[in-house]
PDB file of N, CA and C in Angstrom:
ATOM      1  N   UNK A   1     -12.703  40.359 -32.968  1.00  0.00           N
ATOM      2  CA  UNK A   1     -12.896  39.283 -32.078  1.00  0.00           C
ATOM      3  C   UNK A   1     -14.013  39.467 -32.114  1.00  0.00           C
ATOM      4  N   UNK A   2     -14.555  38.653 -31.616  1.00  0.00           N
ATOM      5  CA  UNK A   2     -16.459  38.655 -31.387  1.00  0.00           C
ATOM      6  C   UNK A   2     -16.973  38.544 -30.006  1.00  0.00           C
ATOM      7  N   UNK A   3     -17.807  38.451 -29.800  1.00  0.00           N
ATOM      8  CA  UNK A   3     -19.088  38.700 -28.644  1.00  0.00           C
ATOM      9  C   UNK A   3     -18.775  38.074 -27.897  1.00  0.00           C
ATOM     10  N   UNK A   4     -18.102  37.840 -26.574  1.00  0.00           N
ATOM     11  CA  UNK A   4     -17.714  37.161 -25.633  1.00  0.00           C
ATOM     12  C   UNK A   4     -18.069  37.370 -24.460  1.00  0.00           C
ATOM     13  N   UNK A   5     -19.695  38.058 -24.454  1.00  0.00           N
ATOM     14  CA  UNK A   5     -20.436  38.183 -23.767  1.00  0.00           C
ATOM     15  C   UNK A   5     -20.952  36.692 -23.103  1.00  0.00           C
ATOM     16  N   UNK A   6     -21.383  36.270 -24.604  1.00  0.00           N
ATOM     17  CA  UNK A   6     -21.994  34.676 -24.421  1.00  0.00           C
ATOM     18  C   UNK A   6     -20.741  33.636 -24.715  1.00  0.00           C
ATOM     19  N   UNK A   7     -20.339  33.965 -24.505  1.00  0.00           N
ATOM     20  CA  UNK A   7     -18.800  32.654 -23.942  1.00  0.00           C
ATOM     21  C   UNK A   7     -18.973  32.107 -22.511  1.00  0.00           C
ATOM     22  N   UNK A   8     -18.863  31.382 -23.109  1.00  0.00           N
ATOM     23  CA  UNK A   8     -18.099  30.449 -21.204  1.00  0.00           C
ATOM     24  C   UNK A   8     -17.277  29.666 -21.191  1.00  0.00           C
ATOM     25  N   UNK A   9     -16.983  28.817 -20.261  1.00  0.00           N
ATOM     26  CA  UNK A   9     -15.518  28.435 -20.362  1.00  0.00           C
ATOM     27  C   UNK A   9     -15.832  27.225 -19.357  1.00  0.00           C
ATOM     28  N   UNK A  10     -15.606  25.817 -19.277  1.00  0.00           N
ATOM     29  CA  UNK A  10     -16.638  24.638 -18.867  1.00  0.00           C
ATOM     30  C   UNK A  10     -15.503  24.416 -17.688  1.00  0.00           C
ATOM     31  N   UNK A  11     -15.404  24.336 -16.503  1.00  0.00           N
ATOM     32  CA  UNK A  11     -14.753  24.240 -15.733  1.00  0.00           C
ATOM     33  C   UNK A  11     -14.766  22.934 -14.831  1.00  0.00           C
ATOM     34  N   UNK A  12     -13.724  21.284 -15.473  1.00  0.00           N
ATOM     35  CA  UNK A  12     -13.949  20.333 -14.610  1.00  0.00           C
ATOM     36  C   UNK A  12     -12.380  20.238 -13.788  1.00  0.00           C
ATOM     37  N   UNK A  13     -13.033  19.965 -12.311  1.00  0.00           N
ATOM     38  CA  UNK A  13     -11.164  20.242 -11.809  1.00  0.00           C
ATOM     39  C   UNK A  13     -10.924  18.557 -11.497  1.00  0.00           C
ATOM     40  N   UNK A  14     -10.501  18.449 -11.696  1.00  0.00           N
ATOM     41  CA  UNK A  14      -9.147  17.019 -11.387  1.00  0.00           C
ATOM     42  C   UNK A  14      -9.654  16.187  -9.990  1.00  0.00           C
ATOM     43  N   UNK A  15     -10.288  15.076 -10.199  1.00  0.00           N
ATOM     44  CA  UNK A  15     -11.027  14.374  -8.818  1.00  0.00           C
ATOM     45  C   UNK A  15      -9.996  14.546  -7.983  1.00  0.00           C
ATOM     46  N   UNK A  16     -10.243  14.874  -6.814  1.00  0.00           N
ATOM     47  CA  UNK A  16      -8.582  14.582  -5.896  1.00  0.00           C
ATOM     48  C   UNK A  16      -8.721  12.722  -5.431  1.00  0.00           C
ATOM     49  N   UNK A  17      -6.983  13.039  -4.956  1.00  0.00           N
ATOM     50  CA  UNK A  17      -6.641  12.050  -4.807  1.00  0.00           C
ATOM     51  C   UNK A  17      -7.455  11.409  -4.094  1.00  0.00           C
ATOM     52  N   UNK A  18      -7.620  10.220  -3.936  1.00  0.00           N
ATOM     53  CA  UNK A  18      -7.952   9.614  -2.342  1.00  0.00           C
ATOM     54  C   UNK A  18      -7.225   9.062  -1.243  1.00  0.00           C
ATOM     55  N   UNK A  19      -7.255   8.704  -0.315  1.00  0.00           N
ATOM     56  CA  UNK A  19      -5.954   9.015   0.728  1.00  0.00           C
ATOM     57  C   UNK A  19      -6.424   7.386   1.044  1.00  0.00           C
ATOM     58  N   UNK A  20      -5.581   6.585   0.712  1.00  0.00           N
ATOM     59  CA  UNK A  20      -5.488   5.388   1.048  1.00  0.00           C
ATOM     60  C   UNK A  20      -5.839   5.044   2.672  1.00  0.00           C
ATOM     61  N   UNK A  21      -6.856   4.219   2.358  1.00  0.00           N
ATOM     62  CA  UNK A  21      -7.473   3.794   3.314  1.00  0.00           C
ATOM     63  C   UNK A  21      -6.231   2.850   4.469  1.00  0.00           C
ATOM     64  N   UNK A  22      -6.467   2.972   5.669  1.00  0.00           N
ATOM     65  CA  UNK A  22      -6.085   2.398   6.477  1.00  0.00           C
ATOM     66  C   UNK A  22      -6.246   1.035   6.664  1.00  0.00           C
ATOM     67  N   UNK A  23      -5.025   0.177   6.806  1.00  0.00           N
ATOM     68  CA  UNK A  23      -4.783  -0.647   6.692  1.00  0.00           C
ATOM     69  C   UNK A  23      -5.171  -1.446   8.053  1.00  0.00           C
ATOM     70  N   UNK A  24      -5.777  -2.803   8.659  1.00  0.00           N
ATOM     71  CA  UNK A  24      -6.389  -3.315   9.673  1.00  0.00           C
ATOM     72  C   UNK A  24      -4.714  -2.995  10.173  1.00  0.00           C
ATOM     73  N   UNK A  25      -5.474  -2.670  11.168  1.00  0.00           N
ATOM     74  CA  UNK A  25      -3.962  -3.091  12.330  1.00  0.00           C
ATOM     75  C   UNK A  25      -2.973  -1.962  11.865  1.00  0.00           C
ATOM     76  N   UNK A  26      -2.949  -1.403  11.390  1.00  0.00           N
ATOM     77  CA  UNK A  26      -2.246  -0.008  10.977  1.00  0.00           C
ATOM     78  C   UNK A  26      -0.759  -0.302  10.518  1.00  0.00           C
ATOM     79  N   UNK A  27      -0.661  -1.674   9.740  1.00  0.00           N
ATOM     80  CA  UNK A  27       0.053  -1.873   8.639  1.00  0.00           C
ATOM     81  C   UNK A  27      -0.537  -1.369   7.576  1.00  0.00           C
ATOM     82  N   UNK A  28       0.894  -1.700   6.892  1.00  0.00           N
ATOM     83  CA  UNK A  28       0.212  -0.941   5.136  1.00  0.00           C
ATOM     84  C   UNK A  28       0.091  -1.765   3.874  1.00  0.00           C
ATOM     85  N   UNK A  29      -0.306  -3.027   4.578  1.00  0.00           N
ATOM     86  CA  UNK A  29      -0.551  -4.070   3.923  1.00  0.00           C
ATOM     87  C   UNK A  29      -1.597  -4.643   4.260  1.00  0.00           C
ATOM     88  N   UNK A  30      -2.591  -5.000   3.449  1.00  0.00           N
ATOM     89  CA  UNK A  30      -3.473  -6.042   3.835  1.00  0.00           C
ATOM     90  C   UNK A  30      -2.944  -7.685   3.479  1.00  0.00           C
ATOM     91  N   UNK A  31      -3.794  -8.669   4.089  1.00  0.00           N
ATOM     92  CA  UNK A  31      -3.247 -10.145   3.309  1.00  0.00           C
ATOM     93  C   UNK A  31      -4.055 -10.070   2.365  1.00  0.00           C
ATOM     94  N   UNK A  32      -5.348  -9.114   1.453  1.00  0.00           N
ATOM     95  CA  UNK A  32      -5.292 -10.058   0.419  1.00  0.00           C
ATOM     96  C   UNK A  32      -4.074  -9.572  -0.401  1.00  0.00           C
ATOM     97  N   UNK A  33      -3.116  -7.911  -0.067  1.00  0.00           N
ATOM     98  CA  UNK A  33      -2.335  -7.974  -1.093  1.00  0.00           C
ATOM     99  C   UNK A  33      -1.368  -8.796  -0.876  1.00  0.00           C
ATOM    100  N   UNK A  34      -0.781  -9.538   0.323  1.00  0.00           N
ATOM    101  CA  UNK A  34       0.529  -9.871   1.075  1.00  0.00           C
ATOM    102  C   UNK A  34       0.074 -11.313  -0.441  1.00  0.00           C
ATOM    103  N   UNK A  35      -1.290 -12.076   0.355  1.00  0.00           N
ATOM    104  CA  UNK A  35      -1.876 -13.050  -0.172  1.00  0.00           C
ATOM    105  C   UNK A  35      -1.101 -12.835  -2.461  1.00  0.00           C
ATOM    106  N   UNK A  36      -1.725 -12.181  -2.816  1.00  0.00           N
ATOM    107  CA  UNK A  36      -1.650 -11.516  -4.136  1.00  0.00           C
ATOM    108  C   UNK A  36       0.303 -11.492  -4.399  1.00  0.00           C
ATOM    109  N   UNK A  37       0.732 -10.782  -3.883  1.00  0.00           N
ATOM    110  CA  UNK A  37       2.732 -10.250  -3.753  1.00  0.00           C
ATOM    111  C   UNK A  37       2.603 -11.984  -3.694  1.00  0.00           C
ATOM    112  N   UNK A  38       2.928 -12.688  -2.788  1.00  0.00           N
ATOM    113  CA  UNK A  38       3.126 -14.212  -3.016  1.00  0.00           C
ATOM    114  C   UNK A  38       3.189 -15.353  -4.275  1.00  0.00           C
ATOM    115  N   UNK A  39       2.469 -15.044  -4.273  1.00  0.00           N
ATOM    116  CA  UNK A  39       1.602 -15.928  -5.914  1.00  0.00           C
ATOM    117  C   UNK A  39       2.633 -15.304  -7.201  1.00  0.00           C
ATOM    118  N   UNK A  40       3.422 -14.143  -7.149  1.00  0.00           N
ATOM    119  CA  UNK A  40       4.500 -13.792  -7.448  1.00  0.00           C
ATOM    120  C   UNK A  40       5.112 -14.418  -8.061  1.00  0.00           C
ATOM    121  N   UNK A  41       6.037 -14.004  -9.195  1.00  0.00           N
ATOM    122  CA  UNK A  41       7.416 -15.336  -8.594  1.00  0.00           C
ATOM    123  C   UNK A  41       8.062 -13.643  -9.657  1.00  0.00           C
ATOM    124  N   UNK A  42       9.492 -13.647  -9.412  1.00  0.00           N
ATOM    125  CA  UNK A  42      10.569 -13.594  -9.982  1.00  0.00           C
ATOM    126  C   UNK A  42      10.481 -11.791 -10.468  1.00  0.00           C
ATOM    127  N   UNK A  43      11.033 -11.619 -11.952  1.00  0.00           N
ATOM    128  CA  UNK A  43      10.595 -10.603 -12.207  1.00  0.00           C
ATOM    129  C   UNK A  43       9.424 -10.107 -12.120  1.00  0.00           C
ATOM    130  N   UNK A  44       8.122 -10.244 -12.334  1.00  0.00           N
ATOM    131  CA  UNK A  44       7.125  -9.563 -12.257  1.00  0.00           C
ATOM    132  C   UNK A  44       6.797  -9.471 -10.128  1.00  0.00           C
ATOM    133  N   UNK A  45       7.551 -10.133  -9.736  1.00  0.00           N
ATOM    134  CA  UNK A  45       7.115  -9.764  -7.919  1.00  0.00           C
ATOM    135  C   UNK A  45       8.083  -8.781  -8.053  1.00  0.00           C
ATOM    136  N   UNK A  46       9.301  -8.750  -7.904  1.00  0.00           N
ATOM    137  CA  UNK A  46      10.132  -7.735  -7.934  1.00  0.00           C
ATOM    138  C   UNK A  46       9.288  -6.211  -8.491  1.00  0.00           C
ATOM    139  N   UNK A  47       9.135  -6.349  -9.780  1.00  0.00           N
ATOM    140  CA  UNK A  47       7.914  -5.235 -10.450  1.00  0.00           C
ATOM    141  C   UNK A  47       7.091  -4.997  -9.666  1.00  0.00           C
ATOM    142  N   UNK A  48       5.915  -5.953  -9.024  1.00  0.00           N
ATOM    143  CA  UNK A  48       4.988  -5.093  -8.125  1.00  0.00           C
ATOM    144  C   UNK A  48       5.428  -5.010  -6.388  1.00  0.00           C
ATOM    145  N   UNK A  49       6.324  -5.355  -6.538  1.00  0.00           N
ATOM    146  CA  UNK A  49       7.171  -4.392  -4.897  1.00  0.00           C
ATOM    147  C   UNK A  49       7.551  -3.077  -5.402  1.00  0.00           C
ATOM    148  N   UNK A  50       8.083  -3.164  -6.950  1.00  0.00           N
ATOM    149  CA  UNK A  50       9.121  -1.492  -6.730  1.00  0.00           C
ATOM    150  C   UNK A  50       7.919  -0.793  -6.643  1.00  0.00           C
ATOM    151  N   UNK A  51       6.607  -0.958  -6.868  1.00  0.00           N
ATOM    152  CA  UNK A  51       5.389  -0.153  -7.843  1.00  0.00           C
ATOM    153  C   UNK A  51       4.468  -0.106  -6.582  1.00  0.00           C
ATOM    154  N   UNK A  52       4.567  -0.949  -5.839  1.00  0.00           N
ATOM    155  CA  UNK A  52       3.311  -0.635  -4.928  1.00  0.00           C
ATOM    156  C   UNK A  52       4.314  -0.439  -3.715  1.00  0.00           C
ATOM    157  N   UNK A  53       5.675  -0.844  -3.178  1.00  0.00           N
ATOM    158  CA  UNK A  53       6.010  -0.076  -1.913  1.00  0.00           C
ATOM    159  C   UNK A  53       8.097   0.750  -2.110  1.00  0.00           C
ATOM    160  N   UNK A  54       8.175   0.552  -3.406  1.00  0.00           N
ATOM    161  CA  UNK A  54       9.498   1.442  -3.829  1.00  0.00           C
ATOM    162  C   UNK A  54      10.530   0.414  -4.008  1.00  0.00           C
ATOM    163  N   UNK A  55      10.790  -0.924  -2.961  1.00  0.00           N
ATOM    164  CA  UNK A  55      12.052  -1.396  -2.724  1.00  0.00           C
ATOM    165  C   UNK A  55      11.293  -2.505  -1.703  1.00  0.00           C
ATOM    166  N   UNK A  56      11.985  -3.846  -1.008  1.00  0.00           N
ATOM    167  CA  UNK A  56      11.818  -4.448  -0.240  1.00  0.00           C
ATOM    168  C   UNK A  56      11.662  -3.544   1.601  1.00  0.00           C
ATOM    169  N   UNK A  57      12.662  -2.880   1.192  1.00  0.00           N
ATOM    170  CA  UNK A  57      12.402  -2.131   2.823  1.00  0.00           C
ATOM    171  C   UNK A  57      11.340  -1.347   2.764  1.00  0.00           C
ATOM    172  N   UNK A  58      11.042  -0.998   1.842  1.00  0.00           N
ATOM    173  CA  UNK A  58       9.600   0.011   2.048  1.00  0.00           C
ATOM    174  C   UNK A  58       8.449  -1.089   1.882  1.00  0.00           C
ATOM    175  N   UNK A  59       8.623  -2.453   1.665  1.00  0.00           N
ATOM    176  CA  UNK A  59       7.521  -3.638   2.484  1.00  0.00           C
ATOM    177  C   UNK A  59       7.962  -3.282   3.370  1.00  0.00           C
ATOM    178  N   UNK A  60       9.085  -3.504   3.645  1.00  0.00           N
ATOM    179  CA  UNK A  60       9.218  -3.804   5.594  1.00  0.00           C
ATOM    180  C   UNK A  60       8.734  -2.966   6.586  1.00  0.00           C
ATOM    181  N   UNK A  61       9.007  -1.985   5.866  1.00  0.00           N
ATOM    182  CA  UNK A  61       8.488  -0.454   6.639  1.00  0.00           C
ATOM    183  C   UNK A  61       6.497  -0.412   6.939  1.00  0.00           C
ATOM    184  N   UNK A  62       5.911  -1.151   6.375  1.00  0.00           N
ATOM    185  CA  UNK A  62       5.335  -0.759   6.120  1.00  0.00           C
ATOM    186  C   UNK A  62       4.062  -2.109   6.635  1.00  0.00           C
ATOM    187  N   UNK A  63       4.986  -2.889   7.015  1.00  0.00           N
ATOM    188  CA  UNK A  63       4.402  -4.395   7.493  1.00  0.00           C
ATOM    189  C   UNK A  63       5.096  -4.179   8.573  1.00  0.00           C
ATOM    190  N   UNK A  64       6.127  -2.730   9.051  1.00  0.00           N
ATOM    191  CA  UNK A  64       6.545  -2.346  10.523  1.00  0.00           C
ATOM    192  C   UNK A  64       7.854  -3.724  11.804  1.00  0.00           C
ATOM    193  N   UNK A  65       8.374  -4.374  10.554  1.00  0.00           N
ATOM    194  CA  UNK A  65       9.597  -5.375  10.568  1.00  0.00           C
ATOM    195  C   UNK A  65      11.490  -4.737   9.937  1.00  0.00           C
ATOM    196  N   UNK A  66      11.731  -5.480  10.644  1.00  0.00           N
ATOM    197  CA  UNK A  66      12.988  -5.431   9.250  1.00  0.00           C
ATOM    198  C   UNK A  66      13.666  -5.751   8.514  1.00  0.00           C
ATOM    199  N   UNK A  67      13.958  -5.523   7.550  1.00  0.00           N
ATOM    200  CA  UNK A  67      14.701  -6.554   6.768  1.00  0.00           C
ATOM    201  C   UNK A  67      15.528  -7.149   6.597  1.00  0.00           C
ATOM    202  N   UNK A  68      16.398  -7.186   8.075  1.00  0.00           N
ATOM    203  CA  UNK A  68      17.795  -8.063   8.342  1.00  0.00           C
ATOM    204  C   UNK A  68      17.202  -8.931  10.121  1.00  0.00           C
ATOM    205  N   UNK A  69      16.606  -8.023  10.606  1.00  0.00           N
ATOM    206  CA  UNK A  69      15.920  -8.564  11.962  1.00  0.00           C
ATOM    207  C   UNK A  69      14.993  -9.632  12.017  1.00  0.00           C
ATOM    208  N   UNK A  70      14.009  -9.291  10.999  1.00  0.00           N
ATOM    209  CA  UNK A  70      12.823  -9.665  11.442  1.00  0.00           C
ATOM    210  C   UNK A  70      11.901  -9.075  12.185  1.00  0.00           C
ATOM    211  N   UNK A  71      10.846 -10.060  12.971  1.00  0.00           N
ATOM    212  CA  UNK A  71      10.039  -9.407  13.975  1.00  0.00           C
ATOM    213  C   UNK A  71      10.971  -9.547  15.082  1.00  0.00           C
ATOM    214  N   UNK A  72      10.110  -8.361  15.810  1.00  0.00           N
ATOM    215  CA  UNK A  72      10.230  -8.861  17.475  1.00  0.00           C
ATOM    216  C   UNK A  72      10.224  -9.882  18.333  1.00  0.00           C
ATOM    217  N   UNK A  73      10.801 -10.369  18.735  1.00  0.00           N
ATOM    218  CA  UNK A  73      10.507 -11.533  19.779  1.00  0.00           C
ATOM    219  C   UNK A  73       9.429 -11.296  20.508  1.00  0.00           C
ATOM    220  N   UNK A  74       7.863  -9.997  20.418  1.00  0.00           N
ATOM    221  CA  UNK A  74       7.195  -9.884  21.795  1.00  0.00           C
ATOM    222  C   UNK A  74       5.359 -10.057  21.041  1.00  0.00           C
ATOM    223  N   UNK A  75       5.314 -10.810  22.147  1.00  0.00           N
ATOM    224  CA  UNK A  75       4.333 -11.552  22.310  1.00  0.00           C
ATOM    225  C   UNK A  75       3.235 -10.832  21.897  1.00  0.00           C
ATOM    226  N   UNK A  76       2.703  -9.761  22.271  1.00  0.00           N
ATOM    227  CA  UNK A  76       2.133  -8.760  21.869  1.00  0.00           C
ATOM    228  C   UNK A  76       1.342  -8.380  20.450  1.00  0.00           C
ATOM    229  N   UNK A  77       2.307  -8.181  19.959  1.00  0.00           N
ATOM    230  CA  UNK A  77       3.492  -7.356  18.742  1.00  0.00           C
ATOM    231  C   UNK A  77       2.638  -9.212  17.505  1.00  0.00           C
ATOM    232  N   UNK A  78       3.110 -10.335  18.320  1.00  0.00           N
ATOM    233  CA  UNK A  78       2.835 -11.504  17.677  1.00  0.00           C
ATOM    234  C   UNK A  78       1.736 -12.088  17.345  1.00  0.00           C
ATOM    235  N   UNK A  79       0.679 -11.790  18.788  1.00  0.00           N
ATOM    236  CA  UNK A  79      -0.518 -11.729  18.538  1.00  0.00           C
ATOM    237  C   UNK A  79      -1.814 -11.615  17.114  1.00  0.00           C
ATOM    238  N   UNK A  80      -1.831 -10.105  17.814  1.00  0.00           N
ATOM    239  CA  UNK A  80      -2.011  -8.647  16.945  1.00  0.00           C
ATOM    240  C   UNK A  80      -1.279  -8.869  15.129  1.00  0.00           C
ATOM    241  N   UNK A  81      -0.543 -10.054  15.226  1.00  0.00           N
ATOM    242  CA  UNK A  81      -0.049 -10.376  13.561  1.00  0.00           C
ATOM    243  C   UNK A  81      -0.522 -10.976  12.942  1.00  0.00           C
ATOM    244  N   UNK A  82      -0.931 -12.324  13.737  1.00  0.00           N
ATOM    245  CA  UNK A  82      -1.693 -13.645  13.757  1.00  0.00           C
ATOM    246  C   UNK A  82      -3.310 -13.216  13.448  1.00  0.00           C
ATOM    247  N   UNK A  83      -3.999 -12.213  14.195  1.00  0.00           N
ATOM    248  CA  UNK A  83      -5.680 -11.987  14.509  1.00  0.00           C
ATOM    249  C   UNK A  83      -5.379 -10.989  13.065  1.00  0.00           C
ATOM    250  N   UNK A  84      -4.327 -10.180  12.036  1.00  0.00           N
ATOM    251  CA  UNK A  84      -4.436  -9.588  11.060  1.00  0.00           C
ATOM    252  C   UNK A  84      -4.657 -10.674   9.885  1.00  0.00           C
ATOM    253  N   UNK A  85      -3.342 -11.692   9.959  1.00  0.00           N
ATOM    254  CA  UNK A  85      -2.365 -12.721   8.842  1.00  0.00           C
ATOM    255  C   UNK A  85      -2.759 -13.693   8.710  1.00  0.00           C
ATOM    256  N   UNK A  86      -3.354 -14.232  10.007  1.00  0.00           N
ATOM    257  CA  UNK A  86      -3.400 -15.611  10.295  1.00  0.00           C
ATOM    258  C   UNK A  86      -2.194 -16.124  10.672  1.00  0.00           C
ATOM    259  N   UNK A  87      -2.342 -17.849  11.526  1.00  0.00           N
ATOM    260  CA  UNK A  87      -1.326 -18.165  11.462  1.00  0.00           C
ATOM    261  C   UNK A  87      -0.636 -18.727  10.377  1.00  0.00           C
ATOM    262  N   UNK A  88       0.978 -18.091  10.477  1.00  0.00           N
ATOM    263  CA  UNK A  88       2.064 -18.533   9.592  1.00  0.00           C
ATOM    264  C   UNK A  88       2.217 -20.215   9.626  1.00  0.00           C
TER     265      UNK A  88
END
């Protein structure tokens, strides 16, 4: 075997995964993300939803809404959403 005294091993740790920055208002989706998603159609839209949110229910959870009931009729919540996402 060769001389191990001069051997060196370089260690390059994997960069730590950065946590996703909190989104405005505590919702798990930014206005830009929603706009981008709304531009997609068909299979492309479905693929994006699955990649980013798991499924439609995952997107709804991030938006703090129900896929079957929609938004609650809560004035404070609706105003908060208008401030973050704009008027519909």
